[in-house]
Structures are given as structure tokens and as C-alpha cells.
Amino acid sequence: SDNLAEVPELKGMAYEDSSKVTSYLIIALVSVST
């Protein structure tokens, strides 16, 4: 492949990892703010 985005399996994995990181950041931010 010339681009990881062309592979559905890897693209889904990357999106899932990104979502997990975003969730962790939101939880950490809310905890610190509280």
C-alpha cells in the first residue's frame, strides 16, 4: 500500500486508538478540573 488509510482494517484500528486516547484525555481533564 502507499497509504495506511487505504487499508480498512488498519484505518479502523487507528481510529479506535485515537478515540481511546481522546476519552482518556477528557476523563483526565474533567478529574483535574473537579
Full PDB file with SEQRES, HELIX, SHEET, SSBOND, CRYST1, ORIGX, SCALE, CONECT and MASTER records, all heavy atoms in Angstrom:
SEQRES   1 A   34  SER ASP ASN LEU ALA GLU VAL PRO GLU LEU LYS GLY MET          
SEQRES   2 A   34  ALA TYR GLU ASP SER SER LYS VAL THR SER TYR LEU ILE          
SEQRES   3 A   34  ILE ALA LEU VAL SER VAL SER THR                              
HELIX    1 AA1 LEU A    4  GLU A    6  5                                   3    
HELIX    2 AA2 PRO A    8  SER A   33  1                                  26    
CRYST1    1.000    1.000    1.000  90.00  90.00  90.00 P 1           1          
ORIGX1      1.000000  0.000000  0.000000        0.00000                         
ORIGX2      0.000000  1.000000  0.000000        0.00000                         
ORIGX3      0.000000  0.000000  1.000000        0.00000                         
SCALE1      1.000000  0.000000  0.000000        0.00000                         
SCALE2      0.000000  1.000000  0.000000        0.00000                         
SCALE3      0.000000  0.000000  1.000000        0.00000                         
ATOM      1  N   SER A   1       0.853  -1.188   0.000  1.00  0.00           N  
ATOM      2  CA  SER A   1       0.000   0.000   0.000  1.00  0.00           C  
ATOM      3  C   SER A   1       0.885   1.232   0.000  1.00  0.00           C  
ATOM      4  O   SER A   1       2.028   1.201   0.478  1.00  0.00           O  
ATOM      5  CB  SER A   1      -0.926  -0.004   1.222  1.00  0.00           C  
ATOM      6  OG  SER A   1      -1.683   1.188   1.282  1.00  0.00           O  
ATOM      7  N   ASP A   2       0.356   2.318  -0.520  1.00  0.00           N  
ATOM      8  CA  ASP A   2       1.054   3.597  -0.486  1.00  0.00           C  
ATOM      9  C   ASP A   2       0.591   4.476   0.667  1.00  0.00           C  
ATOM     10  O   ASP A   2       1.196   5.496   0.966  1.00  0.00           O  
ATOM     11  CB  ASP A   2       0.839   4.358  -1.803  1.00  0.00           C  
ATOM     12  CG  ASP A   2       1.454   3.623  -2.984  1.00  0.00           C  
ATOM     13  OD1 ASP A   2       2.509   2.983  -2.783  1.00  0.00           O  
ATOM     14  OD2 ASP A   2       0.876   3.669  -4.093  1.00  0.00           O  
ATOM     15  N   ASN A   3      -0.515   4.065   1.324  1.00  0.00           N  
ATOM     16  CA  ASN A   3      -1.081   4.870   2.396  1.00  0.00           C  
ATOM     17  C   ASN A   3      -1.851   3.954   3.333  1.00  0.00           C  
ATOM     18  O   ASN A   3      -2.625   3.107   2.892  1.00  0.00           O  
ATOM     19  CB  ASN A   3      -2.009   5.951   1.826  1.00  0.00           C  
ATOM     20  CG  ASN A   3      -2.455   6.942   2.882  1.00  0.00           C  
ATOM     21  OD1 ASN A   3      -2.143   6.781   4.058  1.00  0.00           O  
ATOM     22  ND2 ASN A   3      -3.176   7.965   2.457  1.00  0.00           N  
ATOM     23  N   LEU A   4      -1.633   4.107   4.646  1.00  0.00           N  
ATOM     24  CA  LEU A   4      -2.326   3.267   5.618  1.00  0.00           C  
ATOM     25  C   LEU A   4      -3.833   3.465   5.567  1.00  0.00           C  
ATOM     26  O   LEU A   4      -4.599   2.566   5.898  1.00  0.00           O  
ATOM     27  CB  LEU A   4      -1.815   3.577   7.035  1.00  0.00           C  
ATOM     28  CG  LEU A   4      -0.418   3.060   7.380  1.00  0.00           C  
ATOM     29  CD1 LEU A   4      -0.025   3.527   8.774  1.00  0.00           C  
ATOM     30  CD2 LEU A   4      -0.354   1.551   7.291  1.00  0.00           C  
ATOM     31  N   ALA A   5      -4.264   4.669   5.156  1.00  0.00           N  
ATOM     32  CA  ALA A   5      -5.699   4.943   5.111  1.00  0.00           C  
ATOM     33  C   ALA A   5      -6.408   4.078   4.082  1.00  0.00           C  
ATOM     34  O   ALA A   5      -7.636   3.946   4.105  1.00  0.00           O  
ATOM     35  CB  ALA A   5      -5.940   6.423   4.815  1.00  0.00           C  
ATOM     36  N   GLU A   6      -5.643   3.491   3.158  1.00  0.00           N  
ATOM     37  CA  GLU A   6      -6.259   2.657   2.128  1.00  0.00           C  
ATOM     38  C   GLU A   6      -6.628   1.274   2.648  1.00  0.00           C  
ATOM     39  O   GLU A   6      -7.353   0.541   1.987  1.00  0.00           O  
ATOM     40  CB  GLU A   6      -5.296   2.503   0.949  1.00  0.00           C  
ATOM     41  CG  GLU A   6      -4.954   3.806   0.258  1.00  0.00           C  
ATOM     42  CD  GLU A   6      -3.935   3.612  -0.839  1.00  0.00           C  
ATOM     43  OE1 GLU A   6      -3.420   2.497  -0.975  1.00  0.00           O  
ATOM     44  OE2 GLU A   6      -3.657   4.585  -1.562  1.00  0.00           O  
ATOM     45  N   VAL A   7      -6.123   0.924   3.827  1.00  0.00           N  
ATOM     46  CA  VAL A   7      -6.390  -0.393   4.393  1.00  0.00           C  
ATOM     47  C   VAL A   7      -7.473  -0.258   5.452  1.00  0.00           C  
ATOM     48  O   VAL A   7      -7.251   0.365   6.488  1.00  0.00           O  
ATOM     49  CB  VAL A   7      -5.120  -0.997   5.016  1.00  0.00           C  
ATOM     50  CG1 VAL A   7      -5.390  -2.422   5.487  1.00  0.00           C  
ATOM     51  CG2 VAL A   7      -3.984  -0.977   4.003  1.00  0.00           C  
ATOM     52  N   PRO A   8      -8.676  -0.766   5.226  1.00  0.00           N  
ATOM     53  CA  PRO A   8      -9.789  -0.583   6.165  1.00  0.00           C  
ATOM     54  C   PRO A   8      -9.469  -1.081   7.568  1.00  0.00           C  
ATOM     55  O   PRO A   8      -9.818  -0.451   8.548  1.00  0.00           O  
ATOM     56  CB  PRO A   8     -10.927  -1.387   5.527  1.00  0.00           C  
ATOM     57  CG  PRO A   8     -10.555  -1.506   4.080  1.00  0.00           C  
ATOM     58  CD  PRO A   8      -9.071  -1.547   4.042  1.00  0.00           C  
ATOM     59  N   GLU A   9      -8.814  -2.254   7.662  1.00  0.00           N  
ATOM     60  CA  GLU A   9      -8.546  -2.810   8.984  1.00  0.00           C  
ATOM     61  C   GLU A   9      -7.654  -1.893   9.806  1.00  0.00           C  
ATOM     62  O   GLU A   9      -7.912  -1.609  10.966  1.00  0.00           O  
ATOM     63  CB  GLU A   9      -7.892  -4.189   8.858  1.00  0.00           C  
ATOM     64  CG  GLU A   9      -8.787  -5.235   8.226  1.00  0.00           C  
ATOM     65  CD  GLU A   9      -8.681  -5.222   6.719  1.00  0.00           C  
ATOM     66  OE1 GLU A   9      -8.130  -4.246   6.172  1.00  0.00           O  
ATOM     67  OE2 GLU A   9      -9.160  -6.183   6.080  1.00  0.00           O  
ATOM     68  N   LEU A  10      -6.577  -1.402   9.187  1.00  0.00           N  
ATOM     69  CA  LEU A  10      -5.652  -0.539   9.908  1.00  0.00           C  
ATOM     70  C   LEU A  10      -6.265   0.819  10.196  1.00  0.00           C  
ATOM     71  O   LEU A  10      -6.012   1.427  11.219  1.00  0.00           O  
ATOM     72  CB  LEU A  10      -4.351  -0.378   9.109  1.00  0.00           C  
ATOM     73  CG  LEU A  10      -3.565  -1.660   8.886  1.00  0.00           C  
ATOM     74  CD1 LEU A  10      -2.299  -1.373   8.086  1.00  0.00           C  
ATOM     75  CD2 LEU A  10      -3.197  -2.297  10.220  1.00  0.00           C  
ATOM     76  N   LYS A  11      -7.102   1.298   9.262  1.00  0.00           N  
ATOM     77  CA  LYS A  11      -7.742   2.584   9.483  1.00  0.00           C  
ATOM     78  C   LYS A  11      -8.664   2.504  10.692  1.00  0.00           C  
ATOM     79  O   LYS A  11      -8.722   3.408  11.519  1.00  0.00           O  
ATOM     80  CB  LYS A  11      -8.529   2.990   8.234  1.00  0.00           C  
ATOM     81  CG  LYS A  11      -9.166   4.371   8.333  1.00  0.00           C  
ATOM     82  CD  LYS A  11      -9.890   4.718   7.047  1.00  0.00           C  
ATOM     83  CE  LYS A  11     -10.541   6.091   7.150  1.00  0.00           C  
ATOM     84  NZ  LYS A  11     -11.266   6.430   5.897  1.00  0.00           N  
ATOM     85  N   GLY A  12      -9.428   1.395  10.807  1.00  0.00           N  
ATOM     86  CA  GLY A  12     -10.307   1.230  11.959  1.00  0.00           C  
ATOM     87  C   GLY A  12      -9.532   1.141  13.252  1.00  0.00           C  
ATOM     88  O   GLY A  12      -9.921   1.690  14.274  1.00  0.00           O  
ATOM     89  N   MET A  13      -8.391   0.437  13.214  1.00  0.00           N  
ATOM     90  CA  MET A  13      -7.569   0.338  14.403  1.00  0.00           C  
ATOM     91  C   MET A  13      -7.037   1.692  14.820  1.00  0.00           C  
ATOM     92  O   MET A  13      -7.014   2.038  15.994  1.00  0.00           O  
ATOM     93  CB  MET A  13      -6.407  -0.643  14.147  1.00  0.00           C  
ATOM     94  CG  MET A  13      -6.837  -2.075  13.970  1.00  0.00           C  
ATOM     95  SD  MET A  13      -5.459  -3.121  13.475  1.00  0.00           S  
ATOM     96  CE  MET A  13      -4.338  -2.831  14.840  1.00  0.00           C  
ATOM     97  N   ALA A  14      -6.602   2.489  13.838  1.00  0.00           N  
ATOM     98  CA  ALA A  14      -6.066   3.811  14.154  1.00  0.00           C  
ATOM     99  C   ALA A  14      -7.149   4.701  14.744  1.00  0.00           C  
ATOM    100  O   ALA A  14      -6.926   5.449  15.700  1.00  0.00           O  
ATOM    101  CB  ALA A  14      -5.479   4.450  12.902  1.00  0.00           C  
ATOM    102  N   TYR A  15      -8.396   4.609  14.167  1.00  0.00           N  
ATOM    103  CA  TYR A  15      -9.494   5.430  14.689  1.00  0.00           C  
ATOM    104  C   TYR A  15      -9.850   5.002  16.110  1.00  0.00           C  
ATOM    105  O   TYR A  15     -10.105   5.831  16.981  1.00  0.00           O  
ATOM    106  CB  TYR A  15     -10.704   5.295  13.780  1.00  0.00           C  
ATOM    107  CG  TYR A  15     -11.908   6.067  14.264  1.00  0.00           C  
ATOM    108  CD1 TYR A  15     -11.987   7.454  14.092  1.00  0.00           C  
ATOM    109  CD2 TYR A  15     -12.961   5.405  14.899  1.00  0.00           C  
ATOM    110  CE1 TYR A  15     -13.091   8.159  14.544  1.00  0.00           C  
ATOM    111  CE2 TYR A  15     -14.061   6.105  15.349  1.00  0.00           C  
ATOM    112  CZ  TYR A  15     -14.129   7.483  15.171  1.00  0.00           C  
ATOM    113  OH  TYR A  15     -15.204   8.172  15.620  1.00  0.00           O  
ATOM    114  N   GLU A  16      -9.842   3.691  16.353  1.00  0.00           N  
ATOM    115  CA  GLU A  16     -10.169   3.192  17.687  1.00  0.00           C  
ATOM    116  C   GLU A  16      -9.142   3.654  18.708  1.00  0.00           C  
ATOM    117  O   GLU A  16      -9.480   4.090  19.808  1.00  0.00           O  
ATOM    118  CB  GLU A  16     -10.238   1.665  17.651  1.00  0.00           C  
ATOM    119  CG  GLU A  16     -10.626   1.047  18.994  1.00  0.00           C  
ATOM    120  CD  GLU A  16     -10.685  -0.468  18.901  1.00  0.00           C  
ATOM    121  OE1 GLU A  16     -10.500  -0.990  17.793  1.00  0.00           O  
ATOM    122  OE2 GLU A  16     -10.916  -1.107  19.942  1.00  0.00           O  
ATOM    123  N   ASP A  17      -7.859   3.565  18.350  1.00  0.00           N  
ATOM    124  CA  ASP A  17      -6.808   4.017  19.256  1.00  0.00           C  
ATOM    125  C   ASP A  17      -6.937   5.502  19.530  1.00  0.00           C  
ATOM    126  O   ASP A  17      -6.750   5.970  20.655  1.00  0.00           O  
ATOM    127  CB  ASP A  17      -5.424   3.702  18.672  1.00  0.00           C  
ATOM    128  CG  ASP A  17      -5.184   2.208  18.599  1.00  0.00           C  
ATOM    129  OD1 ASP A  17      -5.886   1.472  19.325  1.00  0.00           O  
ATOM    130  OD2 ASP A  17      -4.313   1.790  17.806  1.00  0.00           O  
ATOM    131  N   SER A  18      -7.249   6.288  18.465  1.00  0.00           N  
ATOM    132  CA  SER A  18      -7.394   7.725  18.639  1.00  0.00           C  
ATOM    133  C   SER A  18      -8.569   8.043  19.559  1.00  0.00           C  
ATOM    134  O   SER A  18      -8.495   8.941  20.397  1.00  0.00           O  
ATOM    135  CB  SER A  18      -7.582   8.386  17.272  1.00  0.00           C  
ATOM    136  OG  SER A  18      -7.802   9.774  17.414  1.00  0.00           O  
ATOM    137  N   SER A  19      -9.671   7.286  19.419  1.00  0.00           N  
ATOM    138  CA  SER A  19     -10.837   7.512  20.267  1.00  0.00           C  
ATOM    139  C   SER A  19     -10.515   7.208  21.731  1.00  0.00           C  
ATOM    140  O   SER A  19     -10.923   7.927  22.639  1.00  0.00           O  
ATOM    141  CB  SER A  19     -12.006   6.638  19.793  1.00  0.00           C  
ATOM    142  OG  SER A  19     -12.350   6.961  18.464  1.00  0.00           O  
ATOM    143  N   LYS A  20      -9.752   6.145  21.950  1.00  0.00           N  
ATOM    144  CA  LYS A  20      -9.381   5.794  23.316  1.00  0.00           C  
ATOM    145  C   LYS A  20      -8.530   6.884  23.937  1.00  0.00           C  
ATOM    146  O   LYS A  20      -8.726   7.279  25.091  1.00  0.00           O  
ATOM    147  CB  LYS A  20      -8.629   4.459  23.329  1.00  0.00           C  
ATOM    148  CG  LYS A  20      -9.506   3.256  23.029  1.00  0.00           C  
ATOM    149  CD  LYS A  20      -8.709   1.973  23.112  1.00  0.00           C  
ATOM    150  CE  LYS A  20      -9.583   0.765  22.848  1.00  0.00           C  
ATOM    151  NZ  LYS A  20      -8.798  -0.501  22.912  1.00  0.00           N  
ATOM    152  N   VAL A  21      -7.563   7.388  23.177  1.00  0.00           N  
ATOM    153  CA  VAL A  21      -6.698   8.452  23.701  1.00  0.00           C  
ATOM    154  C   VAL A  21      -7.517   9.689  24.020  1.00  0.00           C  
ATOM    155  O   VAL A  21      -7.330  10.336  25.065  1.00  0.00           O  
ATOM    156  CB  VAL A  21      -5.575   8.770  22.683  1.00  0.00           C  
ATOM    157  CG1 VAL A  21      -4.800  10.000  23.141  1.00  0.00           C  
ATOM    158  CG2 VAL A  21      -4.647   7.583  22.529  1.00  0.00           C  
ATOM    159  N   THR A  22      -8.472  10.047  23.119  1.00  0.00           N  
ATOM    160  CA  THR A  22      -9.313  11.223  23.364  1.00  0.00           C  
ATOM    161  C   THR A  22     -10.155  11.042  24.624  1.00  0.00           C  
ATOM    162  O   THR A  22     -10.299  11.968  25.428  1.00  0.00           O  
ATOM    163  CB  THR A  22     -10.225  11.462  22.150  1.00  0.00           C  
ATOM    164  OG1 THR A  22      -9.421  11.608  20.979  1.00  0.00           O  
ATOM    165  CG2 THR A  22     -11.058  12.710  22.351  1.00  0.00           C  
ATOM    166  N   SER A  23     -10.702   9.850  24.823  1.00  0.00           N  
ATOM    167  CA  SER A  23     -11.505   9.585  26.022  1.00  0.00           C  
ATOM    168  C   SER A  23     -10.671   9.729  27.287  1.00  0.00           C  
ATOM    169  O   SER A  23     -11.110  10.323  28.280  1.00  0.00           O  
ATOM    170  CB  SER A  23     -12.108   8.179  25.946  1.00  0.00           C  
ATOM    171  OG  SER A  23     -12.933   8.042  24.806  1.00  0.00           O  
ATOM    172  N   TYR A  24      -9.455   9.194  27.238  1.00  0.00           N  
ATOM    173  CA  TYR A  24      -8.583   9.297  28.406  1.00  0.00           C  
ATOM    174  C   TYR A  24      -8.259  10.752  28.711  1.00  0.00           C  
ATOM    175  O   TYR A  24      -8.215  11.168  29.883  1.00  0.00           O  
ATOM    176  CB  TYR A  24      -7.300   8.500  28.181  1.00  0.00           C  
ATOM    177  CG  TYR A  24      -7.506   7.005  28.100  1.00  0.00           C  
ATOM    178  CD1 TYR A  24      -6.664   6.203  27.334  1.00  0.00           C  
ATOM    179  CD2 TYR A  24      -8.552   6.386  28.786  1.00  0.00           C  
ATOM    180  CE1 TYR A  24      -6.862   4.833  27.252  1.00  0.00           C  
ATOM    181  CE2 TYR A  24      -8.753   5.024  28.713  1.00  0.00           C  
ATOM    182  CZ  TYR A  24      -7.914   4.247  27.948  1.00  0.00           C  
ATOM    183  OH  TYR A  24      -8.090   2.900  27.873  1.00  0.00           O  
ATOM    184  N   LEU A  25      -8.034  11.550  27.669  1.00  0.00           N  
ATOM    185  CA  LEU A  25      -7.717  12.961  27.887  1.00  0.00           C  
ATOM    186  C   LEU A  25      -8.903  13.704  28.490  1.00  0.00           C  
ATOM    187  O   LEU A  25      -8.737  14.543  29.389  1.00  0.00           O  
ATOM    188  CB  LEU A  25      -7.296  13.605  26.559  1.00  0.00           C  
ATOM    189  CG  LEU A  25      -5.939  13.179  25.989  1.00  0.00           C  
ATOM    190  CD1 LEU A  25      -5.699  13.827  24.633  1.00  0.00           C  
ATOM    191  CD2 LEU A  25      -4.816  13.554  26.943  1.00  0.00           C  
ATOM    192  N   ILE A  26     -10.111  13.399  27.998  1.00  0.00           N  
ATOM    193  CA  ILE A  26     -11.304  14.062  28.536  1.00  0.00           C  
ATOM    194  C   ILE A  26     -11.504  13.696  30.004  1.00  0.00           C  
ATOM    195  O   ILE A  26     -11.787  14.557  30.854  1.00  0.00           O  
ATOM    196  CB  ILE A  26     -12.546  13.682  27.702  1.00  0.00           C  
ATOM    197  CG1 ILE A  26     -12.424  14.272  26.289  1.00  0.00           C  
ATOM    198  CG2 ILE A  26     -13.820  14.168  28.380  1.00  0.00           C  
ATOM    199  CD1 ILE A  26     -13.546  13.848  25.363  1.00  0.00           C  
ATOM    200  N   ILE A  27     -11.356  12.410  30.328  1.00  0.00           N  
ATOM    201  CA  ILE A  27     -11.510  11.975  31.720  1.00  0.00           C  
ATOM    202  C   ILE A  27     -10.485  12.646  32.616  1.00  0.00           C  
ATOM    203  O   ILE A  27     -10.797  13.115  33.719  1.00  0.00           O  
ATOM    204  CB  ILE A  27     -11.399  10.441  31.808  1.00  0.00           C  
ATOM    205  CG1 ILE A  27     -12.578   9.785  31.090  1.00  0.00           C  
ATOM    206  CG2 ILE A  27     -11.354   9.986  33.258  1.00  0.00           C  
ATOM    207  CD1 ILE A  27     -12.472   8.273  30.985  1.00  0.00           C  
ATOM    208  N   ALA A  28      -9.239  12.709  32.145  1.00  0.00           N  
ATOM    209  CA  ALA A  28      -8.188  13.342  32.947  1.00  0.00           C  
ATOM    210  C   ALA A  28      -8.480  14.823  33.148  1.00  0.00           C  
ATOM    211  O   ALA A  28      -8.310  15.365  34.253  1.00  0.00           O  
ATOM    212  CB  ALA A  28      -6.834  13.138  32.273  1.00  0.00           C  
ATOM    213  N   LEU A  29      -8.950  15.509  32.092  1.00  0.00           N  
ATOM    214  CA  LEU A  29      -9.237  16.937  32.188  1.00  0.00           C  
ATOM    215  C   LEU A  29     -10.382  17.210  33.152  1.00  0.00           C  
ATOM    216  O   LEU A  29     -10.326  18.126  33.979  1.00  0.00           O  
ATOM    217  CB  LEU A  29      -9.567  17.485  30.793  1.00  0.00           C  
ATOM    218  CG  LEU A  29      -9.852  18.992  30.706  1.00  0.00           C  
ATOM    219  CD1 LEU A  29      -8.644  19.785  31.176  1.00  0.00           C  
ATOM    220  CD2 LEU A  29     -10.221  19.378  29.287  1.00  0.00           C  
ATOM    221  N   VAL A  30     -11.442  16.396  33.072  1.00  0.00           N  
ATOM    222  CA  VAL A  30     -12.572  16.565  33.989  1.00  0.00           C  
ATOM    223  C   VAL A  30     -12.146  16.317  35.434  1.00  0.00           C  
ATOM    224  O   VAL A  30     -12.553  17.051  36.353  1.00  0.00           O  
ATOM    225  CB  VAL A  30     -13.718  15.614  33.585  1.00  0.00           C  
ATOM    226  CG1 VAL A  30     -14.825  15.616  34.644  1.00  0.00           C  
ATOM    227  CG2 VAL A  30     -14.290  16.013  32.234  1.00  0.00           C  
ATOM    228  N   SER A  31     -11.317  15.291  35.655  1.00  0.00           N  
ATOM    229  CA  SER A  31     -10.868  14.982  37.008  1.00  0.00           C  
ATOM    230  C   SER A  31     -10.063  16.126  37.597  1.00  0.00           C  
ATOM    231  O   SER A  31     -10.265  16.539  38.742  1.00  0.00           O  
ATOM    232  CB  SER A  31     -10.035  13.689  37.001  1.00  0.00           C  
ATOM    233  OG  SER A  31     -10.799  12.605  36.509  1.00  0.00           O  
ATOM    234  N   VAL A  32      -9.135  16.666  36.800  1.00  0.00           N  
ATOM    235  CA  VAL A  32      -8.307  17.779  37.286  1.00  0.00           C  
ATOM    236  C   VAL A  32      -9.166  19.009  37.551  1.00  0.00           C  
ATOM    237  O   VAL A  32      -8.997  19.708  38.566  1.00  0.00           O  
ATOM    238  CB  VAL A  32      -7.194  18.080  36.271  1.00  0.00           C  
ATOM    239  CG1 VAL A  32      -6.446  19.354  36.675  1.00  0.00           C  
ATOM    240  CG2 VAL A  32      -6.221  16.911  36.186  1.00  0.00           C  
ATOM    241  N   SER A  33     -10.111  19.301  36.663  1.00  0.00           N  
ATOM    242  CA  SER A  33     -10.970  20.477  36.840  1.00  0.00           C  
ATOM    243  C   SER A  33     -11.828  20.338  38.087  1.00  0.00           C  
ATOM    244  O   SER A  33     -11.985  21.287  38.870  1.00  0.00           O  
ATOM    245  CB  SER A  33     -11.856  20.660  35.601  1.00  0.00           C  
ATOM    246  OG  SER A  33     -11.069  20.833  34.438  1.00  0.00           O  
ATOM    247  N   THR A  34     -12.390  19.145  38.309  1.00  0.00           N  
ATOM    248  CA  THR A  34     -13.215  18.915  39.503  1.00  0.00           C  
ATOM    249  C   THR A  34     -12.403  19.091  40.784  1.00  0.00           C  
ATOM    250  O   THR A  34     -12.856  19.718  41.749  1.00  0.00           O  
ATOM    251  CB  THR A  34     -13.820  17.506  39.454  1.00  0.00           C  
ATOM    252  OG1 THR A  34     -14.566  17.347  38.252  1.00  0.00           O  
ATOM    253  CG2 THR A  34     -14.714  17.255  40.649  1.00  0.00           C  
TER     254      THR A  34                                                      
MASTER        0    0    0    2    0    0    0    6  253    1    0    3          
END                                                                             
